[in-house]
């Protein structure tokens, strides 16, 4: 969800050429699957498409290539560590960190509440984008 929300935000701000945004799974369960139908439905309600996206797992190369690795929760952090090792470059942040919180964003796959997750993702993505603009990233 966060990939598409953030892409939509940077596009609307005219900053799409300054960002490369991708999402990856930290576990293997959903690899190859399209975006969850609940996420597709929620994002369609706000005019955001997820067309063409299929889950893939994050890699060590992703860690090397990306400036920021934004995670939703502590489980993501543990799974990420198994794949890429320690965060030696200090690239890994919970998305809500940029909004002043270290709390988890609930996974709607488990909760079924895509509205709450969307609200949290919006809050985190808005704060992250503002952080990037203030730091000229």
C-alpha atoms as a PDB file:
ATOM      1  CA  UNK A   1       0.000   0.000   0.000  1.00  0.00           C
ATOM      2  CA  UNK A   2       2.732   2.469   0.968  1.00  0.00           C
ATOM      3  CA  UNK A   3       4.491   2.140  -2.398  1.00  0.00           C
ATOM      4  CA  UNK A   4       1.428   3.326  -4.264  1.00  0.00           C
ATOM      5  CA  UNK A   5       0.475   6.036  -1.782  1.00  0.00           C
ATOM      6  CA  UNK A   6       3.983   7.510  -1.841  1.00  0.00           C
ATOM      7  CA  UNK A   7       4.200   7.295  -5.643  1.00  0.00           C
ATOM      8  CA  UNK A   8       0.878   9.131  -5.865  1.00  0.00           C
ATOM      9  CA  UNK A   9       2.097  11.828  -3.472  1.00  0.00           C
ATOM     10  CA  UNK A  10       5.384  12.489  -5.262  1.00  0.00           C
ATOM     11  CA  UNK A  11       3.597  12.542  -8.614  1.00  0.00           C
ATOM     12  CA  UNK A  12       1.107  15.136  -7.353  1.00  0.00           C
ATOM     13  CA  UNK A  13       4.001  17.218  -5.962  1.00  0.00           C
ATOM     14  CA  UNK A  14       5.816  17.068  -9.317  1.00  0.00           C
ATOM     15  CA  UNK A  15       8.720  15.201  -7.720  1.00  0.00           C
ATOM     16  CA  UNK A  16       8.415  11.786  -9.373  1.00  0.00           C
ATOM     17  CA  UNK A  17      11.711  12.243 -11.232  1.00  0.00           C
ATOM     18  CA  UNK A  18      13.539  12.619  -7.903  1.00  0.00           C
ATOM     19  CA  UNK A  19      12.331   9.338  -6.388  1.00  0.00           C
ATOM     20  CA  UNK A  20      12.568   5.644  -7.167  1.00  0.00           C
ATOM     21  CA  UNK A  21       9.950   3.893  -5.065  1.00  0.00           C
ATOM     22  CA  UNK A  22       9.459   0.131  -4.835  1.00  0.00           C
ATOM     23  CA  UNK A  23       8.015  -2.229  -2.283  1.00  0.00           C
ATOM     24  CA  UNK A  24       9.263  -5.688  -1.428  1.00  0.00           C
ATOM     25  CA  UNK A  25       8.199  -8.452   0.896  1.00  0.00           C
ATOM     26  CA  UNK A  26      10.350  -9.270   3.887  1.00  0.00           C
ATOM     27  CA  UNK A  27       8.964 -12.818   3.949  1.00  0.00           C
ATOM     28  CA  UNK A  28       8.277 -15.358   1.221  1.00  0.00           C
ATOM     29  CA  UNK A  29       4.563 -16.121   1.671  1.00  0.00           C
ATOM     30  CA  UNK A  30       3.156 -13.796  -0.981  1.00  0.00           C
ATOM     31  CA  UNK A  31       5.958 -13.805  -3.571  1.00  0.00           C
ATOM     32  CA  UNK A  32       4.507 -13.745  -7.086  1.00  0.00           C
ATOM     33  CA  UNK A  33       1.032 -12.749  -5.949  1.00  0.00           C
ATOM     34  CA  UNK A  34      -0.697  -9.547  -7.027  1.00  0.00           C
ATOM     35  CA  UNK A  35      -1.522  -6.852  -4.496  1.00  0.00           C
ATOM     36  CA  UNK A  36      -4.079  -8.102  -1.951  1.00  0.00           C
ATOM     37  CA  UNK A  37      -7.655  -7.518  -3.092  1.00  0.00           C
ATOM     38  CA  UNK A  38      -8.431  -5.467   0.037  1.00  0.00           C
ATOM     39  CA  UNK A  39      -5.529  -3.121  -0.667  1.00  0.00           C
ATOM     40  CA  UNK A  40      -6.534  -2.830  -4.328  1.00  0.00           C
ATOM     41  CA  UNK A  41     -10.098  -1.993  -3.281  1.00  0.00           C
ATOM     42  CA  UNK A  42      -9.045   0.611  -0.699  1.00  0.00           C
ATOM     43  CA  UNK A  43      -6.616   2.324  -3.058  1.00  0.00           C
ATOM     44  CA  UNK A  44      -9.149   2.256  -5.914  1.00  0.00           C
ATOM     45  CA  UNK A  45     -11.534   4.172  -3.613  1.00  0.00           C
ATOM     46  CA  UNK A  46      -9.019   7.038  -3.577  1.00  0.00           C
ATOM     47  CA  UNK A  47      -8.080   6.767  -7.259  1.00  0.00           C
ATOM     48  CA  UNK A  48      -4.752   4.944  -6.893  1.00  0.00           C
ATOM     49  CA  UNK A  49      -3.951   1.981  -9.142  1.00  0.00           C
ATOM     50  CA  UNK A  50      -1.796  -1.012  -8.231  1.00  0.00           C
ATOM     51  CA  UNK A  51      -1.821  -2.476 -11.743  1.00  0.00           C
ATOM     52  CA  UNK A  52       1.103  -4.659 -12.719  1.00  0.00           C
ATOM     53  CA  UNK A  53       2.516  -5.155  -9.216  1.00  0.00           C
ATOM     54  CA  UNK A  54       3.442  -8.630  -8.011  1.00  0.00           C
ATOM     55  CA  UNK A  55       5.142  -9.371  -4.706  1.00  0.00           C
ATOM     56  CA  UNK A  56       8.869 -10.008  -4.655  1.00  0.00           C
ATOM     57  CA  UNK A  57      11.218 -10.458  -1.735  1.00  0.00           C
ATOM     58  CA  UNK A  58      13.714  -7.802  -0.755  1.00  0.00           C
ATOM     59  CA  UNK A  59      17.352  -8.575  -1.563  1.00  0.00           C
ATOM     60  CA  UNK A  60      20.787  -7.571  -0.331  1.00  0.00           C
ATOM     61  CA  UNK A  61      21.121  -5.597  -3.581  1.00  0.00           C
ATOM     62  CA  UNK A  62      18.008  -3.595  -2.657  1.00  0.00           C
ATOM     63  CA  UNK A  63      19.596  -2.720   0.669  1.00  0.00           C
ATOM     64  CA  UNK A  64      22.718  -1.557  -1.140  1.00  0.00           C
ATOM     65  CA  UNK A  65      20.875   0.381  -3.866  1.00  0.00           C
ATOM     66  CA  UNK A  66      18.156   2.218  -1.913  1.00  0.00           C
ATOM     67  CA  UNK A  67      18.691   5.212   0.367  1.00  0.00           C
ATOM     68  CA  UNK A  68      15.785   4.324   2.661  1.00  0.00           C
ATOM     69  CA  UNK A  69      14.162   1.029   3.583  1.00  0.00           C
ATOM     70  CA  UNK A  70      10.784   1.880   5.116  1.00  0.00           C
ATOM     71  CA  UNK A  71       9.154  -0.844   7.170  1.00  0.00           C
ATOM     72  CA  UNK A  72       5.722  -1.103   8.714  1.00  0.00           C
ATOM     73  CA  UNK A  73       6.413  -3.097  11.880  1.00  0.00           C
ATOM     74  CA  UNK A  74       8.856  -4.985  14.078  1.00  0.00           C
ATOM     75  CA  UNK A  75       8.172  -8.258  12.229  1.00  0.00           C
ATOM     76  CA  UNK A  76       9.366  -6.568   9.025  1.00  0.00           C
ATOM     77  CA  UNK A  77      12.543  -5.549  10.853  1.00  0.00           C
ATOM     78  CA  UNK A  78      13.233  -9.119  12.033  1.00  0.00           C
ATOM     79  CA  UNK A  79      12.525 -10.624   8.612  1.00  0.00           C
ATOM     80  CA  UNK A  80      14.600  -7.954   6.886  1.00  0.00           C
ATOM     81  CA  UNK A  81      17.547  -8.684   9.151  1.00  0.00           C
ATOM     82  CA  UNK A  82      17.394 -12.360   8.137  1.00  0.00           C
ATOM     83  CA  UNK A  83      17.664 -11.397   4.467  1.00  0.00           C
ATOM     84  CA  UNK A  84      20.074  -8.450   4.441  1.00  0.00           C
ATOM     85  CA  UNK A  85      21.818  -8.664   7.811  1.00  0.00           C
ATOM     86  CA  UNK A  86      22.432  -5.744  10.132  1.00  0.00           C
ATOM     87  CA  UNK A  87      21.399  -2.223   9.144  1.00  0.00           C
ATOM     88  CA  UNK A  88      25.015  -1.004   9.038  1.00  0.00           C
ATOM     89  CA  UNK A  89      24.144   2.004   6.859  1.00  0.00           C
ATOM     90  CA  UNK A  90      21.215   3.171   9.036  1.00  0.00           C
ATOM     91  CA  UNK A  91      18.730   2.960   6.165  1.00  0.00           C
ATOM     92  CA  UNK A  92      15.900   1.120   7.909  1.00  0.00           C
ATOM     93  CA  UNK A  93      13.084   3.150   9.492  1.00  0.00           C
ATOM     94  CA  UNK A  94       9.546   2.452  10.515  1.00  0.00           C
ATOM     95  CA  UNK A  95       7.346   4.537   8.230  1.00  0.00           C
ATOM     96  CA  UNK A  96       5.698   6.283  11.174  1.00  0.00           C
ATOM     97  CA  UNK A  97       9.132   7.330  12.502  1.00  0.00           C
ATOM     98  CA  UNK A  98       8.897  10.355  10.210  1.00  0.00           C
ATOM     99  CA  UNK A  99       5.588  11.270  11.855  1.00  0.00           C
ATOM    100  CA  UNK A 100       7.191  11.137  15.303  1.00  0.00           C
ATOM    101  CA  UNK A 101       6.093   7.632  16.283  1.00  0.00           C
ATOM    102  CA  UNK A 102       7.802   4.261  16.522  1.00  0.00           C
ATOM    103  CA  UNK A 103       4.563   2.297  16.620  1.00  0.00           C
ATOM    104  CA  UNK A 104       3.741  -0.413  14.123  1.00  0.00           C
ATOM    105  CA  UNK A 105       1.371  -0.010  11.212  1.00  0.00           C
ATOM    106  CA  UNK A 106      -1.075  -2.898  11.482  1.00  0.00           C
ATOM    107  CA  UNK A 107      -1.014  -5.369   8.603  1.00  0.00           C
ATOM    108  CA  UNK A 108      -4.536  -5.448   7.151  1.00  0.00           C
ATOM    109  CA  UNK A 109      -3.898  -8.981   5.886  1.00  0.00           C
ATOM    110  CA  UNK A 110      -4.316  -9.970   9.543  1.00  0.00           C
ATOM    111  CA  UNK A 111      -6.660  -7.257  10.844  1.00  0.00           C
ATOM    112  CA  UNK A 112      -8.941  -6.908   7.829  1.00  0.00           C
ATOM    113  CA  UNK A 113      -9.051  -3.157   8.501  1.00  0.00           C
ATOM    114  CA  UNK A 114      -7.685  -1.519   5.371  1.00  0.00           C
ATOM    115  CA  UNK A 115      -9.044   1.903   6.363  1.00  0.00           C
ATOM    116  CA  UNK A 116      -6.930   2.134   9.528  1.00  0.00           C
ATOM    117  CA  UNK A 117      -3.844   0.925   7.687  1.00  0.00           C
ATOM    118  CA  UNK A 118      -4.459   3.415   4.884  1.00  0.00           C
ATOM    119  CA  UNK A 119      -4.739   6.277   7.388  1.00  0.00           C
ATOM    120  CA  UNK A 120      -1.451   5.264   9.030  1.00  0.00           C
ATOM    121  CA  UNK A 121       0.269   4.867   5.665  1.00  0.00           C
ATOM    122  CA  UNK A 122      -0.968   8.305   4.597  1.00  0.00           C
ATOM    123  CA  UNK A 123       0.374   9.817   7.814  1.00  0.00           C
ATOM    124  CA  UNK A 124       3.753   8.133   7.443  1.00  0.00           C
ATOM    125  CA  UNK A 125       4.150   8.828   3.731  1.00  0.00           C
ATOM    126  CA  UNK A 126       3.167  12.484   4.154  1.00  0.00           C
ATOM    127  CA  UNK A 127       5.712  12.910   6.935  1.00  0.00           C
ATOM    128  CA  UNK A 128       8.419  11.062   4.987  1.00  0.00           C
ATOM    129  CA  UNK A 129       7.839  13.200   1.891  1.00  0.00           C
ATOM    130  CA  UNK A 130       7.994  16.358   3.999  1.00  0.00           C
ATOM    131  CA  UNK A 131      11.244  15.107   5.559  1.00  0.00           C
ATOM    132  CA  UNK A 132      12.686  14.503   2.094  1.00  0.00           C
ATOM    133  CA  UNK A 133      11.671  17.950   0.861  1.00  0.00           C
ATOM    134  CA  UNK A 134      13.169  19.634   3.929  1.00  0.00           C
ATOM    135  CA  UNK A 135      16.397  17.693   3.472  1.00  0.00           C
ATOM    136  CA  UNK A 136      16.512  18.297  -0.297  1.00  0.00           C
ATOM    137  CA  UNK A 137      16.455  14.600  -1.142  1.00  0.00           C
END
